[in-house]
């Protein structure tokens, strides 16, 4: 099975930091981010949903991550993250 390198764009990291700071459930946010990384490392298409050409979405409550997959380079780039309300 191919493994991917997961890279978070700076904007996505900033969004994640703001969610974490504002969130009363910081442990849940941290666990969701760890789970997102694990899923995207192993199978970025398996639980994700393609929202438009080349842009994917993965929901791991309380977070939703937007990402792109570069199969040739073996990289998944998280471009955005939000909080599910």
N, C-alpha and C. Protein backbone atom coordinates (compact mmCIF):
# COMPACT_ATOMS: atom_id res chain seq x y z
N UNK A 1 0.84 -1.18 0.00
CA UNK A 1 0.00 0.00 0.00
C UNK A 1 0.89 1.24 0.00
N UNK A 2 0.56 2.19 -0.84
CA UNK A 2 1.33 3.42 -0.95
C UNK A 2 1.00 4.33 0.24
N UNK A 3 2.03 4.92 0.81
CA UNK A 3 1.85 5.89 1.90
C UNK A 3 2.16 7.27 1.36
N UNK A 4 1.41 8.24 1.83
CA UNK A 4 1.55 9.61 1.38
C UNK A 4 2.16 10.48 2.48
N UNK A 5 2.90 11.48 2.06
CA UNK A 5 3.40 12.51 2.97
C UNK A 5 2.32 13.57 3.06
N UNK A 6 1.89 13.88 4.28
CA UNK A 6 0.84 14.89 4.49
C UNK A 6 1.50 16.21 4.88
N UNK A 7 1.20 17.24 4.11
CA UNK A 7 1.73 18.58 4.35
C UNK A 7 0.56 19.52 4.57
N UNK A 8 0.62 20.28 5.64
CA UNK A 8 -0.41 21.28 5.92
C UNK A 8 0.07 22.64 5.43
N UNK A 9 -0.71 23.27 4.57
CA UNK A 9 -0.39 24.63 4.11
C UNK A 9 -0.41 25.56 5.32
N UNK A 10 0.36 26.64 5.25
CA UNK A 10 0.41 27.59 6.37
C UNK A 10 -0.96 28.15 6.71
N UNK A 11 -1.76 28.45 5.70
CA UNK A 11 -3.12 28.95 5.96
C UNK A 11 -3.95 27.92 6.73
N UNK A 12 -3.81 26.66 6.37
CA UNK A 12 -4.55 25.60 7.07
C UNK A 12 -4.08 25.47 8.51
N UNK A 13 -2.78 25.59 8.74
CA UNK A 13 -2.26 25.54 10.11
C UNK A 13 -2.76 26.73 10.93
N UNK A 14 -2.83 27.91 10.31
CA UNK A 14 -3.37 29.08 10.99
C UNK A 14 -4.84 28.87 11.36
N UNK A 15 -5.61 28.30 10.42
CA UNK A 15 -7.01 28.02 10.68
C UNK A 15 -7.16 27.02 11.83
N UNK A 16 -6.34 25.99 11.81
CA UNK A 16 -6.37 24.98 12.87
C UNK A 16 -6.03 25.60 14.22
N UNK A 17 -5.04 26.46 14.26
CA UNK A 17 -4.65 27.11 15.51
C UNK A 17 -5.79 27.96 16.06
N UNK A 18 -6.47 28.70 15.20
CA UNK A 18 -7.59 29.53 15.65
C UNK A 18 -8.74 28.67 16.19
N UNK A 19 -9.00 27.55 15.51
CA UNK A 19 -10.05 26.64 15.98
C UNK A 19 -9.67 26.08 17.35
N UNK A 20 -8.41 25.69 17.50
CA UNK A 20 -7.95 25.11 18.76
C UNK A 20 -8.03 26.13 19.89
N UNK A 21 -7.59 27.35 19.63
CA UNK A 21 -7.61 28.39 20.66
C UNK A 21 -9.04 28.70 21.09
N UNK A 22 -9.96 28.77 20.14
CA UNK A 22 -11.35 29.13 20.43
C UNK A 22 -12.16 27.97 21.00
N UNK A 23 -11.67 26.76 20.78
CA UNK A 23 -12.48 25.59 21.13
C UNK A 23 -12.43 25.21 22.59
N UNK A 24 -13.58 24.89 23.13
CA UNK A 24 -13.60 24.40 24.51
C UNK A 24 -13.15 22.93 24.60
N UNK A 25 -13.10 22.27 23.45
CA UNK A 25 -12.77 20.84 23.39
C UNK A 25 -11.44 20.63 22.68
N UNK A 26 -10.38 21.18 23.22
CA UNK A 26 -9.07 21.15 22.57
C UNK A 26 -8.55 19.73 22.37
N UNK A 27 -8.83 18.84 23.31
CA UNK A 27 -8.39 17.45 23.15
C UNK A 27 -9.05 16.80 21.94
N UNK A 28 -10.32 17.05 21.74
CA UNK A 28 -11.05 16.49 20.59
C UNK A 28 -10.50 17.05 19.28
N UNK A 29 -10.14 18.32 19.27
CA UNK A 29 -9.57 18.95 18.08
C UNK A 29 -8.21 18.33 17.76
N UNK A 30 -7.39 18.16 18.78
CA UNK A 30 -6.07 17.55 18.59
C UNK A 30 -6.20 16.11 18.09
N UNK A 31 -7.11 15.35 18.68
CA UNK A 31 -7.31 13.97 18.26
C UNK A 31 -7.83 13.89 16.83
N UNK A 32 -8.72 14.79 16.46
CA UNK A 32 -9.25 14.80 15.10
C UNK A 32 -8.15 15.12 14.10
N UNK A 33 -7.29 16.08 14.43
CA UNK A 33 -6.18 16.42 13.53
C UNK A 33 -5.23 15.24 13.37
N UNK A 34 -4.94 14.54 14.45
CA UNK A 34 -4.09 13.35 14.38
C UNK A 34 -4.74 12.27 13.50
N UNK A 35 -6.05 12.11 13.64
CA UNK A 35 -6.77 11.10 12.87
C UNK A 35 -6.80 11.48 11.39
N UNK A 36 -6.97 12.77 11.10
CA UNK A 36 -6.92 13.24 9.71
C UNK A 36 -5.57 12.89 9.10
N UNK A 37 -4.49 13.19 9.81
CA UNK A 37 -3.15 12.86 9.30
C UNK A 37 -3.00 11.37 9.03
N UNK A 38 -3.48 10.55 9.94
CA UNK A 38 -3.36 9.10 9.78
C UNK A 38 -4.14 8.61 8.56
N UNK A 39 -5.35 9.09 8.40
CA UNK A 39 -6.17 8.68 7.25
C UNK A 39 -5.52 9.11 5.95
N UNK A 40 -5.10 10.37 5.89
CA UNK A 40 -4.53 10.89 4.64
C UNK A 40 -3.20 10.25 4.31
N UNK A 41 -2.45 9.84 5.30
CA UNK A 41 -1.18 9.15 5.07
C UNK A 41 -1.40 7.81 4.38
N UNK A 42 -2.44 7.11 4.78
CA UNK A 42 -2.66 5.75 4.31
C UNK A 42 -3.60 5.61 3.12
N UNK A 43 -4.67 6.42 3.09
CA UNK A 43 -5.68 6.25 2.04
C UNK A 43 -6.49 7.54 1.88
N UNK A 44 -5.93 8.54 1.21
CA UNK A 44 -6.61 9.83 1.13
C UNK A 44 -7.95 9.80 0.37
N UNK A 45 -8.17 8.79 -0.43
CA UNK A 45 -9.43 8.69 -1.17
C UNK A 45 -10.47 7.83 -0.44
N UNK A 46 -10.02 6.97 0.45
CA UNK A 46 -10.90 5.99 1.08
C UNK A 46 -12.07 6.57 1.84
N UNK A 47 -11.82 7.55 2.68
CA UNK A 47 -12.89 8.15 3.48
C UNK A 47 -13.21 9.57 3.04
N UNK A 48 -12.41 10.09 2.11
CA UNK A 48 -12.63 11.44 1.62
C UNK A 48 -13.69 11.48 0.54
N UNK A 49 -14.13 12.69 0.24
CA UNK A 49 -15.13 12.91 -0.80
C UNK A 49 -14.60 14.00 -1.73
N UNK A 50 -14.58 13.72 -3.02
CA UNK A 50 -14.13 14.73 -3.97
C UNK A 50 -15.23 15.77 -4.13
N UNK A 51 -14.91 17.02 -3.82
CA UNK A 51 -15.91 18.10 -3.87
C UNK A 51 -15.88 18.83 -5.20
N UNK A 52 -14.74 18.87 -5.83
CA UNK A 52 -14.58 19.42 -7.17
C UNK A 52 -13.31 18.80 -7.73
N UNK A 53 -13.03 19.07 -8.98
CA UNK A 53 -11.88 18.42 -9.61
C UNK A 53 -10.59 18.73 -8.85
N UNK A 54 -10.04 17.71 -8.22
CA UNK A 54 -8.77 17.85 -7.52
C UNK A 54 -8.86 18.31 -6.08
N UNK A 55 -10.06 18.65 -5.60
CA UNK A 55 -10.22 19.09 -4.21
C UNK A 55 -11.07 18.07 -3.47
N UNK A 56 -10.53 17.62 -2.35
CA UNK A 56 -11.19 16.60 -1.55
C UNK A 56 -11.55 17.14 -0.18
N UNK A 57 -12.52 16.47 0.46
CA UNK A 57 -12.98 16.85 1.79
C UNK A 57 -13.02 15.60 2.66
N UNK A 58 -12.55 15.77 3.90
CA UNK A 58 -12.58 14.68 4.88
C UNK A 58 -13.14 15.24 6.18
N UNK A 59 -14.16 14.59 6.70
CA UNK A 59 -14.76 15.02 7.97
C UNK A 59 -14.34 14.05 9.06
N UNK A 60 -13.70 14.60 10.07
CA UNK A 60 -13.38 13.88 11.31
C UNK A 60 -13.79 14.84 12.42
N UNK A 61 -14.98 14.61 12.97
CA UNK A 61 -15.56 15.55 13.94
C UNK A 61 -14.58 15.82 15.08
N UNK A 62 -14.43 17.07 15.45
CA UNK A 62 -15.20 18.25 15.04
C UNK A 62 -14.60 19.04 13.88
N UNK A 63 -13.74 18.40 13.06
CA UNK A 63 -13.05 19.13 11.99
C UNK A 63 -13.47 18.63 10.61
N UNK A 64 -13.32 19.49 9.64
CA UNK A 64 -13.42 19.13 8.23
C UNK A 64 -12.18 19.68 7.55
N UNK A 65 -11.49 18.82 6.81
CA UNK A 65 -10.25 19.20 6.13
C UNK A 65 -10.47 19.18 4.62
N UNK A 66 -9.92 20.17 3.94
CA UNK A 66 -9.90 20.22 2.49
C UNK A 66 -8.47 19.93 2.04
N UNK A 67 -8.32 19.12 0.99
CA UNK A 67 -6.98 18.72 0.61
C UNK A 67 -6.91 18.35 -0.87
N UNK A 68 -5.68 18.31 -1.36
CA UNK A 68 -5.36 17.91 -2.72
C UNK A 68 -4.42 16.71 -2.66
N UNK A 69 -4.52 15.84 -3.65
CA UNK A 69 -3.70 14.64 -3.70
C UNK A 69 -2.78 14.71 -4.91
N UNK A 70 -1.48 14.53 -4.68
CA UNK A 70 -0.48 14.44 -5.75
C UNK A 70 0.03 13.00 -5.74
N UNK A 71 -0.58 12.16 -6.57
CA UNK A 71 -0.20 10.75 -6.60
C UNK A 71 1.24 10.56 -7.07
N UNK A 72 1.64 11.31 -8.06
CA UNK A 72 2.99 11.16 -8.61
C UNK A 72 4.06 11.48 -7.56
N UNK A 73 3.80 12.51 -6.77
CA UNK A 73 4.76 12.90 -5.74
C UNK A 73 4.54 12.22 -4.41
N UNK A 74 3.40 11.52 -4.27
CA UNK A 74 3.09 10.85 -3.01
C UNK A 74 2.81 11.84 -1.89
N UNK A 75 2.17 12.96 -2.24
CA UNK A 75 1.92 14.03 -1.26
C UNK A 75 0.44 14.35 -1.19
N UNK A 76 -0.03 14.57 0.01
CA UNK A 76 -1.37 15.12 0.25
C UNK A 76 -1.15 16.48 0.91
N UNK A 77 -1.74 17.50 0.33
CA UNK A 77 -1.59 18.86 0.84
C UNK A 77 -2.92 19.33 1.41
N UNK A 78 -2.96 19.53 2.71
CA UNK A 78 -4.16 20.06 3.36
C UNK A 78 -4.15 21.57 3.13
N UNK A 79 -5.20 22.05 2.46
CA UNK A 79 -5.27 23.46 2.07
C UNK A 79 -6.17 24.29 2.97
N UNK A 80 -7.03 23.62 3.72
CA UNK A 80 -7.93 24.34 4.62
C UNK A 80 -8.53 23.42 5.64
N UNK A 81 -8.96 23.99 6.74
CA UNK A 81 -9.61 23.21 7.79
C UNK A 81 -10.66 24.10 8.45
N UNK A 82 -11.78 23.48 8.81
CA UNK A 82 -12.84 24.20 9.49
C UNK A 82 -13.41 23.38 10.61
N UNK A 83 -14.26 24.01 11.37
CA UNK A 83 -14.93 23.34 12.49
C UNK A 83 -16.35 23.01 12.10
N UNK A 84 -16.77 21.80 12.37
CA UNK A 84 -18.14 21.40 12.14
C UNK A 84 -18.98 21.88 13.31
N UNK A 85 -20.07 22.54 12.99
CA UNK A 85 -20.95 23.03 14.08
C UNK A 85 -22.17 22.18 14.20
